[in-house]
Amino acid sequence: MQEEVFVKVLFRYFSQVLEQETVETMWAIEIDKEKGLYKLDSIPFYGPNIAPDDIFYAEYDQNEEMLTLREVKEYSGSSVIQVILMKEPYEALDLREQLSSLGCITESLNERYFVTEVPPTVNYEPVKFFLSKLSEEGRIEYAEPVLSSVHAL
């Protein structure tokens, strides 16, 4: 079995969260270097139209001086949810653990902001119910920048 090769890839896009052109670097697994195919191994923080395990084409960009996303080739079925905590004390760890118990994976940017991957094998209905309840209580705001067809309710 061949060992996975991890590479950093640059993603340049307009972020709805930041309302500006954004650059984010993320880890990917090399699928076929000659063909420029990679699989995303990170959860995007600010909203490019890509999710973990998506297969994409990237090439070295002279201006960026690194491997750069060109286009998504195959969608994995994963979704990405962005969560902003609105009330102190921030309960990020507790909320992330609850999402984990529902089958989600989270990555934190800071004490108020984290992203969640909903794998295609996870039923999105309980996750959506949980997030909607917290939102109605004013505890969080959330967005679904990448909602796969598997999770569309």
Protein backbone atom coordinates (compact mmCIF):
# COMPACT_ATOMS: atom_id res chain seq x y z
CA MET A 1 0.00 0.00 0.00
CA GLN A 2 1.38 3.36 -1.05
CA GLU A 3 1.71 6.08 1.57
CA GLU A 4 -0.54 9.13 1.07
CA VAL A 5 1.22 12.31 -0.01
CA PHE A 6 -0.16 15.49 1.55
CA VAL A 7 0.28 18.87 -0.14
CA LYS A 8 -0.78 22.44 0.60
CA VAL A 9 -3.05 23.98 -2.02
CA LEU A 10 -4.07 27.61 -2.41
CA PHE A 11 -7.75 28.48 -2.89
CA ARG A 12 -8.62 32.00 -4.09
CA TYR A 13 -12.33 32.92 -4.10
CA PHE A 14 -14.92 35.51 -3.06
CA SER A 15 -16.02 34.78 0.52
CA GLN A 16 -19.64 35.55 1.45
CA VAL A 17 -18.57 35.46 5.13
CA LEU A 18 -15.83 38.05 4.75
CA GLU A 19 -17.49 39.81 1.78
CA GLN A 20 -14.17 40.04 -0.04
CA GLU A 21 -11.71 38.18 -2.21
CA THR A 22 -10.10 35.58 0.05
CA VAL A 23 -7.09 33.31 -0.02
CA GLU A 24 -7.08 30.13 2.03
CA THR A 25 -4.54 27.31 1.99
CA MET A 26 -5.67 23.79 2.80
CA TRP A 27 -4.28 20.28 2.90
CA ALA A 28 -5.02 17.85 0.11
CA ILE A 29 -4.03 14.28 -0.70
CA GLU A 30 -2.27 13.69 -4.00
CA ILE A 31 -4.40 11.40 -6.18
CA ASP A 32 -2.57 11.70 -9.51
CA LYS A 33 0.21 14.30 -9.63
CA GLU A 34 0.68 13.99 -13.41
CA LYS A 35 -3.00 14.74 -14.02
CA GLY A 36 -3.08 17.39 -11.27
CA LEU A 37 -5.76 15.58 -9.25
CA TYR A 38 -6.05 15.98 -5.48
CA LYS A 39 -8.57 15.17 -2.73
CA LEU A 40 -9.34 17.87 -0.15
CA ASP A 41 -8.32 16.84 3.38
CA SER A 42 -9.38 20.03 5.19
CA ILE A 43 -12.65 21.81 5.99
CA PRO A 44 -12.78 25.24 4.30
CA PHE A 45 -13.25 28.09 6.78
CA TYR A 46 -14.67 30.84 4.57
CA GLY A 47 -16.72 29.24 1.85
CA PRO A 48 -15.16 28.19 -1.43
CA ASN A 49 -17.45 25.82 -3.29
CA ILE A 50 -15.59 22.69 -2.20
CA ALA A 51 -15.96 20.20 0.65
CA PRO A 52 -13.72 17.57 2.28
CA ASP A 53 -12.98 14.55 0.08
CA ASP A 54 -13.94 16.38 -3.13
CA ILE A 55 -11.56 15.60 -5.99
CA PHE A 56 -10.17 18.67 -7.74
CA TYR A 57 -7.70 19.76 -10.38
CA ALA A 58 -4.86 22.03 -9.28
CA GLU A 59 -1.69 23.24 -10.92
CA TYR A 60 1.35 25.26 -9.93
CA ASP A 61 0.65 28.97 -10.35
CA GLN A 62 3.69 31.15 -11.05
CA ASN A 63 2.05 34.28 -9.58
CA GLU A 64 0.84 32.53 -6.42
CA GLU A 65 4.08 30.52 -6.20
CA MET A 66 2.23 27.39 -5.13
CA LEU A 67 -0.21 24.69 -6.17
CA THR A 68 -3.56 26.40 -6.84
CA LEU A 69 -7.14 25.12 -7.25
CA ARG A 70 -8.48 25.33 -10.79
CA GLU A 71 -11.72 23.33 -10.68
CA VAL A 72 -13.63 20.69 -8.74
CA LYS A 73 -13.86 17.46 -10.71
CA GLU A 74 -15.90 15.20 -8.42
CA TYR A 75 -18.06 16.02 -5.41
CA SER A 76 -17.86 13.70 -2.38
CA GLY A 77 -21.35 14.36 -1.04
CA SER A 78 -20.00 16.06 2.09
CA SER A 79 -21.46 19.38 3.23
CA VAL A 80 -19.79 22.30 5.03
CA ILE A 81 -21.51 24.33 7.74
CA GLN A 82 -20.09 27.55 9.24
CA VAL A 83 -21.00 28.35 12.86
CA ILE A 84 -20.57 31.66 14.72
CA LEU A 85 -21.25 31.71 18.46
CA MET A 86 -23.25 34.77 19.49
CA LYS A 87 -23.41 34.69 23.31
CA GLU A 88 -20.79 34.59 26.04
CA PRO A 89 -19.67 32.38 27.57
CA TYR A 90 -18.88 30.75 24.25
CA GLU A 91 -19.62 27.05 24.31
CA ALA A 92 -17.65 26.04 21.22
CA LEU A 93 -16.17 22.88 22.68
CA ASP A 94 -19.55 21.67 23.96
CA LEU A 95 -21.28 22.41 20.64
CA ARG A 96 -18.48 20.75 18.67
CA GLU A 97 -18.77 17.64 20.87
CA GLN A 98 -22.53 17.53 20.29
CA LEU A 99 -22.01 17.80 16.52
CA SER A 100 -19.39 15.07 16.74
CA SER A 101 -21.93 12.81 18.47
CA LEU A 102 -24.18 13.37 15.42
CA GLY A 103 -21.36 12.14 13.14
CA CYS A 104 -19.92 15.50 12.10
CA ILE A 105 -16.29 16.63 12.06
CA THR A 106 -15.37 20.15 13.19
CA GLU A 107 -12.39 22.48 12.94
CA SER A 108 -12.13 25.62 15.03
CA LEU A 109 -10.68 28.93 13.86
CA ASN A 110 -11.11 30.68 17.22
CA GLU A 111 -13.39 30.63 20.30
CA ARG A 112 -16.36 32.03 18.34
CA TYR A 113 -16.06 30.48 14.89
CA PHE A 114 -15.82 26.91 13.66
CA VAL A 115 -16.72 24.88 10.60
CA THR A 116 -18.39 21.50 10.42
CA GLU A 117 -18.14 18.77 7.85
CA VAL A 118 -21.24 16.64 7.44
CA PRO A 119 -20.08 13.43 5.71
CA PRO A 120 -22.42 11.95 3.08
CA THR A 121 -23.19 8.99 5.37
CA VAL A 122 -24.61 11.27 8.08
CA ASN A 123 -28.34 12.03 8.23
CA TYR A 124 -28.48 15.83 8.01
CA GLU A 125 -31.96 16.18 9.52
CA PRO A 126 -30.87 15.91 13.21
CA VAL A 127 -27.89 18.18 12.53
CA LYS A 128 -30.12 20.80 10.89
CA PHE A 129 -32.63 20.53 13.76
CA PHE A 130 -29.85 21.02 16.34
CA LEU A 131 -28.37 24.04 14.52
CA SER A 132 -31.78 25.61 13.88
CA LYS A 133 -32.74 25.28 17.56
CA LEU A 134 -29.51 27.00 18.66
CA SER A 135 -30.08 29.71 16.07
CA GLU A 136 -33.66 30.31 17.22
CA GLU A 137 -32.34 30.66 20.80
CA GLY A 138 -29.89 33.33 19.57
CA ARG A 139 -26.87 31.25 20.62
CA ILE A 140 -25.43 30.82 17.13
CA GLU A 141 -25.71 31.92 13.54
CA TYR A 142 -24.85 29.41 10.86
CA ALA A 143 -24.50 29.16 7.11
CA GLU A 144 -24.48 26.26 4.67
CA PRO A 145 -21.98 27.37 1.99
CA VAL A 146 -21.68 23.83 0.60
CA LEU A 147 -24.84 21.77 1.01
CA SER A 148 -24.60 18.58 -1.01
CA SER A 149 -27.57 17.08 -2.78
CA VAL A 150 -27.32 14.20 -0.25
CA HIS A 151 -28.19 16.65 2.56
CA ALA A 152 -30.65 18.98 0.84
CA LEU A 153 -33.89 18.82 2.83
